[in-house]
Amino acid sequence: MRWAFKRVAVGMAVCLLASACGGGEEPEPERVMAEQQCDDTLSPAGARALETVLDTKRFSHDPRGGLERAVTGLVEDYPDSWMRTPGHTLCRASPPTGRDEVEIEFHLLRRDGDLPGDEHAADLHPYDMGVEALSGPRVAQLYVRCVSPRFEGSDERPALVMAELDFRRSKLPDTLPIREANLTLLHSATLAVVRKLGCEGDAGLAETPVFKALSE
């Protein structure tokens, strides 16, 4: 009996030392650079924008899978999207120390009447991008319409996708460079999502953001 227990203990020790028992899988390497955040969805400009708004070049580890989860959640929500759906988080990026954090998530809206239009916070500034776009020092929002085979019936009722960037804490000033950095970051992530969804014409988004502020 003592011998049997010894064999079990040795087997457990070997299993713990292995990267994955029976699977032989390597542990995921730490992903701490800006371009590795948000499931590799960030363009070079988006990665630089993330470094700018969080004032760091290294980040807490951001595991893979956020893009697939966000897209799958939107597709599952579409048949019942008769109101704004819960958010599906693509990523949360933060420096290795401190409490600053930026989150990017996606929703579906029910109708055009749910768009903010002129009813938005005073520190959000409208831009001519997508259906609507707003950006400020703590929040950015980008709205697009998507026609895709993954949204059954979207050729008649296009999916109205809302992308939102939100800071847990931010002391950033309300300046043009900060607003454009936030919108660059959000545009980059949104473009990756609409391409993963297969939206026709990239849901109207250009390859790179074009900043045209609208009069308020």
C-alpha atoms as a PDB file:
ATOM      1  CA  MET A   1       0.000   0.000   0.000  1.00  0.00           C
ATOM      2  CA  ARG A   2       2.839   2.374   0.914  1.00  0.00           C
ATOM      3  CA  TRP A   3       4.404   1.633  -2.496  1.00  0.00           C
ATOM      4  CA  ALA A   4       1.159   2.439  -4.295  1.00  0.00           C
ATOM      5  CA  PHE A   5       0.869   5.799  -2.520  1.00  0.00           C
ATOM      6  CA  LYS A   6       4.460   6.562  -3.450  1.00  0.00           C
ATOM      7  CA  ARG A   7       3.745   5.883  -7.134  1.00  0.00           C
ATOM      8  CA  VAL A   8       0.699   8.195  -7.043  1.00  0.00           C
ATOM      9  CA  ALA A   9       2.726  10.947  -5.375  1.00  0.00           C
ATOM     10  CA  VAL A  10       5.514  10.663  -7.957  1.00  0.00           C
ATOM     11  CA  GLY A  11       2.975  10.727 -10.772  1.00  0.00           C
ATOM     12  CA  MET A  12       1.360  13.861  -9.393  1.00  0.00           C
ATOM     13  CA  ALA A  13       4.715  15.570  -9.041  1.00  0.00           C
ATOM     14  CA  VAL A  14       5.617  14.792 -12.656  1.00  0.00           C
ATOM     15  CA  CYS A  15       2.227  16.063 -13.761  1.00  0.00           C
ATOM     16  CA  LEU A  16       2.668  19.348 -11.889  1.00  0.00           C
ATOM     17  CA  LEU A  17       6.120  19.857 -13.364  1.00  0.00           C
ATOM     18  CA  ALA A  18       4.807  19.385 -16.894  1.00  0.00           C
ATOM     19  CA  SER A  19       3.356  22.404 -18.654  1.00  0.00           C
ATOM     20  CA  ALA A  20       0.045  20.595 -19.106  1.00  0.00           C
ATOM     21  CA  CYS A  21      -0.735  17.062 -17.881  1.00  0.00           C
ATOM     22  CA  GLY A  22      -1.140  14.762 -20.840  1.00  0.00           C
ATOM     23  CA  GLY A  23      -1.517  17.681 -23.281  1.00  0.00           C
ATOM     24  CA  GLY A  24       2.084  18.702 -23.715  1.00  0.00           C
ATOM     25  CA  GLU A  25       0.938  22.301 -24.241  1.00  0.00           C
ATOM     26  CA  GLU A  26       3.301  25.150 -23.558  1.00  0.00           C
ATOM     27  CA  PRO A  27       1.991  27.872 -21.228  1.00  0.00           C
ATOM     28  CA  GLU A  28       0.992  31.035 -23.066  1.00  0.00           C
ATOM     29  CA  PRO A  29       3.897  33.499 -23.110  1.00  0.00           C
ATOM     30  CA  GLU A  30       3.416  36.763 -21.300  1.00  0.00           C
ATOM     31  CA  ARG A  31       1.889  39.362 -23.591  1.00  0.00           C
ATOM     32  CA  VAL A  32       3.028  42.708 -22.253  1.00  0.00           C
ATOM     33  CA  MET A  33       3.760  44.921 -25.284  1.00  0.00           C
ATOM     34  CA  ALA A  34       1.168  47.361 -26.622  1.00  0.00           C
ATOM     35  CA  GLU A  35       0.793  45.583 -29.956  1.00  0.00           C
ATOM     36  CA  GLN A  36      -0.021  42.340 -28.110  1.00  0.00           C
ATOM     37  CA  GLN A  37      -2.937  43.821 -26.207  1.00  0.00           C
ATOM     38  CA  CYS A  38      -6.583  43.381 -27.207  1.00  0.00           C
ATOM     39  CA  ASP A  39      -5.918  39.990 -28.803  1.00  0.00           C
ATOM     40  CA  ASP A  40      -3.514  41.412 -31.414  1.00  0.00           C
ATOM     41  CA  THR A  41      -6.246  43.613 -32.875  1.00  0.00           C
ATOM     42  CA  LEU A  42      -4.337  46.880 -32.594  1.00  0.00           C
ATOM     43  CA  SER A  43      -2.747  48.508 -35.609  1.00  0.00           C
ATOM     44  CA  PRO A  44       0.670  50.159 -35.137  1.00  0.00           C
ATOM     45  CA  ALA A  45      -1.140  53.474 -34.696  1.00  0.00           C
ATOM     46  CA  GLY A  46      -3.558  51.881 -32.231  1.00  0.00           C
ATOM     47  CA  ALA A  47      -0.687  50.417 -30.211  1.00  0.00           C
ATOM     48  CA  ARG A  48       1.024  53.815 -30.048  1.00  0.00           C
ATOM     49  CA  ALA A  49      -2.263  55.381 -28.962  1.00  0.00           C
ATOM     50  CA  LEU A  50      -2.566  52.857 -26.139  1.00  0.00           C
ATOM     51  CA  GLU A  51       0.947  53.699 -24.961  1.00  0.00           C
ATOM     52  CA  THR A  52       0.013  57.391 -25.070  1.00  0.00           C
ATOM     53  CA  VAL A  53      -3.226  57.243 -23.089  1.00  0.00           C
ATOM     54  CA  LEU A  54      -1.842  54.916 -20.402  1.00  0.00           C
ATOM     55  CA  ASP A  55       1.641  56.494 -20.433  1.00  0.00           C
ATOM     56  CA  THR A  56       3.493  53.167 -20.509  1.00  0.00           C
ATOM     57  CA  LYS A  57       5.194  50.848 -22.973  1.00  0.00           C
ATOM     58  CA  ARG A  58       4.606  47.689 -20.924  1.00  0.00           C
ATOM     59  CA  PHE A  59       1.283  46.276 -19.795  1.00  0.00           C
ATOM     60  CA  SER A  60      -0.207  43.622 -17.595  1.00  0.00           C
ATOM     61  CA  HIS A  61      -0.502  40.255 -19.326  1.00  0.00           C
ATOM     62  CA  ASP A  62      -3.444  40.192 -21.737  1.00  0.00           C
ATOM     63  CA  PRO A  63      -4.416  36.602 -22.648  1.00  0.00           C
ATOM     64  CA  ARG A  64      -5.847  35.624 -26.015  1.00  0.00           C
ATOM     65  CA  GLY A  65      -9.478  34.960 -26.806  1.00  0.00           C
ATOM     66  CA  GLY A  66     -11.166  38.344 -26.382  1.00  0.00           C
ATOM     67  CA  LEU A  67     -11.824  38.875 -30.084  1.00  0.00           C
ATOM     68  CA  GLU A  68     -13.557  35.535 -30.558  1.00  0.00           C
ATOM     69  CA  ARG A  69     -15.604  35.967 -27.373  1.00  0.00           C
ATOM     70  CA  ALA A  70     -16.759  39.457 -28.346  1.00  0.00           C
ATOM     71  CA  VAL A  71     -17.718  38.440 -31.878  1.00  0.00           C
ATOM     72  CA  THR A  72     -19.475  35.259 -30.740  1.00  0.00           C
ATOM     73  CA  GLY A  73     -21.439  37.262 -28.164  1.00  0.00           C
ATOM     74  CA  LEU A  74     -22.617  39.774 -30.766  1.00  0.00           C
ATOM     75  CA  VAL A  75     -23.703  37.022 -33.165  1.00  0.00           C
ATOM     76  CA  GLU A  76     -25.631  35.237 -30.416  1.00  0.00           C
ATOM     77  CA  ASP A  77     -27.312  38.490 -29.338  1.00  0.00           C
ATOM     78  CA  TYR A  78     -28.443  39.540 -32.814  1.00  0.00           C
ATOM     79  CA  PRO A  79     -31.725  37.587 -33.080  1.00  0.00           C
ATOM     80  CA  ASP A  80     -32.979  39.162 -29.851  1.00  0.00           C
ATOM     81  CA  SER A  81     -31.331  42.562 -30.111  1.00  0.00           C
ATOM     82  CA  TRP A  82     -34.498  44.553 -29.569  1.00  0.00           C
ATOM     83  CA  MET A  83     -32.766  46.698 -26.994  1.00  0.00           C
ATOM     84  CA  ARG A  84     -29.165  47.562 -26.200  1.00  0.00           C
ATOM     85  CA  THR A  85     -27.458  44.284 -25.389  1.00  0.00           C
ATOM     86  CA  PRO A  86     -24.976  43.689 -22.559  1.00  0.00           C
ATOM     87  CA  GLY A  87     -21.386  44.509 -23.394  1.00  0.00           C
ATOM     88  CA  HIS A  88     -18.944  41.914 -24.664  1.00  0.00           C
ATOM     89  CA  THR A  89     -15.447  42.785 -23.543  1.00  0.00           C
ATOM     90  CA  LEU A  90     -12.650  42.579 -26.091  1.00  0.00           C
ATOM     91  CA  CYS A  91      -9.910  43.558 -23.656  1.00  0.00           C
ATOM     92  CA  ARG A  92      -8.846  45.393 -20.535  1.00  0.00           C
ATOM     93  CA  ALA A  93      -5.403  46.962 -20.839  1.00  0.00           C
ATOM     94  CA  SER A  94      -3.492  48.292 -17.857  1.00  0.00           C
ATOM     95  CA  PRO A  95       0.084  49.076 -16.807  1.00  0.00           C
ATOM     96  CA  PRO A  96       1.893  46.486 -14.645  1.00  0.00           C
ATOM     97  CA  THR A  97       1.456  48.769 -11.630  1.00  0.00           C
ATOM     98  CA  GLY A  98      -1.207  51.265 -10.692  1.00  0.00           C
ATOM     99  CA  ARG A  99      -4.967  51.217 -11.120  1.00  0.00           C
ATOM    100  CA  ASP A 100      -5.318  52.843 -14.536  1.00  0.00           C
ATOM    101  CA  GLU A 101      -7.166  50.644 -16.994  1.00  0.00           C
ATOM    102  CA  VAL A 102      -8.846  51.015 -20.361  1.00  0.00           C
ATOM    103  CA  GLU A 103     -11.622  48.637 -21.409  1.00  0.00           C
ATOM    104  CA  ILE A 104     -13.031  48.085 -24.898  1.00  0.00           C
ATOM    105  CA  GLU A 105     -16.376  46.368 -25.288  1.00  0.00           C
ATOM    106  CA  PHE A 106     -19.087  45.900 -27.901  1.00  0.00           C
ATOM    107  CA  HIS A 107     -22.885  46.038 -27.840  1.00  0.00           C
ATOM    108  CA  LEU A 108     -25.751  45.832 -30.304  1.00  0.00           C
ATOM    109  CA  LEU A 109     -28.323  48.618 -30.406  1.00  0.00           C
ATOM    110  CA  ARG A 110     -31.988  48.186 -31.253  1.00  0.00           C
ATOM    111  CA  ARG A 111     -32.571  51.126 -33.588  1.00  0.00           C
ATOM    112  CA  ASP A 112     -31.217  54.442 -34.783  1.00  0.00           C
ATOM    113  CA  GLY A 113     -33.175  56.138 -32.028  1.00  0.00           C
ATOM    114  CA  ASP A 114     -30.744  54.570 -29.567  1.00  0.00           C
ATOM    115  CA  LEU A 115     -27.830  56.482 -31.114  1.00  0.00           C
ATOM    116  CA  PRO A 116     -26.655  59.387 -28.960  1.00  0.00           C
ATOM    117  CA  GLY A 117     -27.073  62.056 -31.638  1.00  0.00           C
ATOM    118  CA  ASP A 118     -26.915  65.437 -29.921  1.00  0.00           C
ATOM    119  CA  GLU A 119     -27.650  63.911 -26.517  1.00  0.00           C
ATOM    120  CA  HIS A 120     -24.166  63.209 -25.216  1.00  0.00           C
ATOM    121  CA  ALA A 121     -21.913  64.274 -22.381  1.00  0.00           C
ATOM    122  CA  ALA A 122     -20.351  67.695 -22.632  1.00  0.00           C
ATOM    123  CA  ASP A 123     -16.828  66.276 -22.700  1.00  0.00           C
ATOM    124  CA  LEU A 124     -17.591  64.025 -25.686  1.00  0.00           C
ATOM    125  CA  HIS A 125     -16.887  65.502 -29.098  1.00  0.00           C
ATOM    126  CA  PRO A 126     -18.535  64.219 -32.310  1.00  0.00           C
ATOM    127  CA  TYR A 127     -16.551  62.995 -35.315  1.00  0.00           C
ATOM    128  CA  ASP A 128     -17.506  62.000 -38.829  1.00  0.00           C
ATOM    129  CA  MET A 129     -16.596  58.315 -38.581  1.00  0.00           C
ATOM    130  CA  GLY A 130     -18.852  55.293 -39.012  1.00  0.00           C
ATOM    131  CA  VAL A 131     -22.510  56.017 -38.326  1.00  0.00           C
ATOM    132  CA  GLU A 132     -21.550  58.182 -35.359  1.00  0.00           C
ATOM    133  CA  ALA A 133     -18.419  58.663 -33.311  1.00  0.00           C
ATOM    134  CA  LEU A 134     -17.709  60.490 -30.073  1.00  0.00           C
ATOM    135  CA  SER A 135     -14.479  60.925 -28.181  1.00  0.00           C
ATOM    136  CA  GLY A 136     -13.359  62.563 -24.953  1.00  0.00           C
ATOM    137  CA  PRO A 137     -10.667  62.179 -22.288  1.00  0.00           C
ATOM    138  CA  ARG A 138     -12.332  59.226 -20.521  1.00  0.00           C
ATOM    139  CA  VAL A 139     -14.719  57.685 -23.061  1.00  0.00           C
ATOM    140  CA  ALA A 140     -14.858  57.082 -26.807  1.00  0.00           C
ATOM    141  CA  GLN A 141     -17.736  55.548 -28.762  1.00  0.00           C
ATOM    142  CA  LEU A 142     -17.967  54.353 -32.356  1.00  0.00           C
ATOM    143  CA  TYR A 143     -21.174  53.147 -34.024  1.00  0.00           C
ATOM    144  CA  VAL A 144     -21.282  51.124 -37.257  1.00  0.00           C
ATOM    145  CA  ARG A 145     -23.832  49.169 -39.296  1.00  0.00           C
ATOM    146  CA  CYS A 146     -22.917  45.640 -40.275  1.00  0.00           C
ATOM    147  CA  VAL A 147     -24.407  43.435 -42.981  1.00  0.00           C
ATOM    148  CA  SER A 148     -22.904  39.975 -42.632  1.00  0.00           C
ATOM    149  CA  PRO A 149     -23.873  36.340 -43.224  1.00  0.00           C
ATOM    150  CA  ARG A 150     -23.176  35.834 -39.529  1.00  0.00           C
ATOM    151  CA  PHE A 151     -26.105  38.140 -38.746  1.00  0.00           C
ATOM    152  CA  GLU A 152     -28.967  36.277 -40.418  1.00  0.00           C
ATOM    153  CA  GLY A 153     -31.379  38.787 -41.917  1.00  0.00           C
ATOM    154  CA  SER A 154     -28.956  41.708 -41.631  1.00  0.00           C
ATOM    155  CA  ASP A 155     -29.374  42.425 -45.354  1.00  0.00           C
ATOM    156  CA  GLU A 156     -32.809  43.699 -44.333  1.00  0.00           C
ATOM    157  CA  ARG A 157     -31.990  44.757 -40.769  1.00  0.00           C
ATOM    158  CA  PRO A 158     -28.292  45.644 -40.500  1.00  0.00           C
ATOM    159  CA  ALA A 159     -26.764  45.062 -37.101  1.00  0.00           C
ATOM    160  CA  LEU A 160     -26.069  48.343 -35.329  1.00  0.00           C
ATOM    161  CA  VAL A 161     -22.838  47.769 -33.439  1.00  0.00           C
ATOM    162  CA  MET A 162     -21.638  50.051 -30.659  1.00  0.00           C
ATOM    163  CA  ALA A 163     -17.969  49.998 -29.697  1.00  0.00           C
ATOM    164  CA  GLU A 164     -17.020  51.720 -26.462  1.00  0.00           C
ATOM    165  CA  LEU A 165     -13.720  52.580 -24.840  1.00  0.00           C
ATOM    166  CA  ASP A 166     -13.868  53.446 -21.166  1.00  0.00           C
ATOM    167  CA  PHE A 167     -11.243  54.314 -18.556  1.00  0.00           C
ATOM    168  CA  ARG A 168     -11.477  53.061 -15.004  1.00  0.00           C
ATOM    169  CA  ARG A 169      -9.491  56.111 -13.961  1.00  0.00           C
ATOM    170  CA  SER A 170      -8.172  58.888 -16.111  1.00  0.00           C
ATOM    171  CA  LYS A 171      -6.590  62.255 -15.483  1.00  0.00           C
ATOM    172  CA  LEU A 172      -6.076  62.899 -19.168  1.00  0.00           C
ATOM    173  CA  PRO A 173      -6.822  66.428 -20.356  1.00  0.00           C
ATOM    174  CA  ASP A 174      -9.636  67.105 -22.791  1.00  0.00           C
ATOM    175  CA  THR A 175      -7.364  67.933 -25.713  1.00  0.00           C
ATOM    176  CA  LEU A 176      -7.453  67.172 -29.419  1.00  0.00           C
ATOM    177  CA  PRO A 177      -4.450  64.766 -29.302  1.00  0.00           C
ATOM    178  CA  ILE A 178      -6.011  62.763 -26.455  1.00  0.00           C
ATOM    179  CA  ARG A 179      -9.417  62.580 -28.152  1.00  0.00           C
ATOM    180  CA  GLU A 180      -7.825  61.404 -31.379  1.00  0.00           C
ATOM    181  CA  ALA A 181      -5.625  58.863 -29.563  1.00  0.00           C
ATOM    182  CA  ASN A 182      -8.695  57.344 -27.876  1.00  0.00           C
ATOM    183  CA  LEU A 183     -10.592  57.202 -31.148  1.00  0.00           C
ATOM    184  CA  THR A 184      -7.568  55.723 -32.958  1.00  0.00           C
ATOM    185  CA  LEU A 185      -7.424  52.942 -30.385  1.00  0.00           C
ATOM    186  CA  LEU A 186     -11.160  52.272 -30.629  1.00  0.00           C
ATOM    187  CA  HIS A 187     -11.169  52.400 -34.443  1.00  0.00           C
ATOM    188  CA  SER A 188      -8.377  49.830 -34.571  1.00  0.00           C
ATOM    189  CA  ALA A 189     -10.214  47.376 -32.325  1.00  0.00           C
ATOM    190  CA  THR A 190     -13.554  47.954 -34.073  1.00  0.00           C
ATOM    191  CA  LEU A 191     -12.049  47.343 -37.507  1.00  0.00           C
ATOM    192  CA  ALA A 192     -10.729  43.991 -36.276  1.00  0.00           C
ATOM    193  CA  VAL A 193     -14.180  43.062 -34.946  1.00  0.00           C
ATOM    194  CA  VAL A 194     -16.096  43.990 -38.116  1.00  0.00           C
ATOM    195  CA  ARG A 195     -13.592  42.063 -40.224  1.00  0.00           C
ATOM    196  CA  LYS A 196     -13.964  39.031 -37.967  1.00  0.00           C
ATOM    197  CA  LEU A 197     -17.727  39.368 -38.371  1.00  0.00           C
ATOM    198  CA  GLY A 198     -17.368  39.615 -42.148  1.00  0.00           C
ATOM    199  CA  CYS A 199     -19.220  42.933 -42.379  1.00  0.00           C
ATOM    200  CA  GLU A 200     -19.663  44.169 -45.938  1.00  0.00           C
ATOM    201  CA  GLY A 201     -17.275  46.996 -46.798  1.00  0.00           C
ATOM    202  CA  ASP A 202     -15.691  46.797 -43.339  1.00  0.00           C
ATOM    203  CA  ALA A 203     -18.924  48.359 -42.016  1.00  0.00           C
ATOM    204  CA  GLY A 204     -17.960  51.634 -43.649  1.00  0.00           C
ATOM    205  CA  LEU A 205     -14.675  52.038 -41.777  1.00  0.00           C
ATOM    206  CA  ALA A 206     -11.552  53.173 -43.593  1.00  0.00           C
ATOM    207  CA  GLU A 207      -8.270  51.317 -43.128  1.00  0.00           C
ATOM    208  CA  THR A 208      -7.006  54.168 -40.964  1.00  0.00           C
ATOM    209  CA  PRO A 209      -9.037  56.701 -38.982  1.00  0.00           C
ATOM    210  CA  VAL A 210      -9.798  59.976 -40.690  1.00  0.00           C
ATOM    211  CA  PHE A 211     -10.458  62.671 -38.146  1.00  0.00           C
ATOM    212  CA  LYS A 212     -13.115  65.182 -39.121  1.00  0.00           C
ATOM    213  CA  ALA A 213     -14.575  66.855 -36.077  1.00  0.00           C
ATOM    214  CA  LEU A 214     -18.211  67.857 -36.412  1.00  0.00           C
ATOM    215  CA  SER A 215     -19.604  71.146 -35.225  1.00  0.00           C
ATOM    216  CA  GLU A 216     -21.508  70.780 -31.965  1.00  0.00           C
END
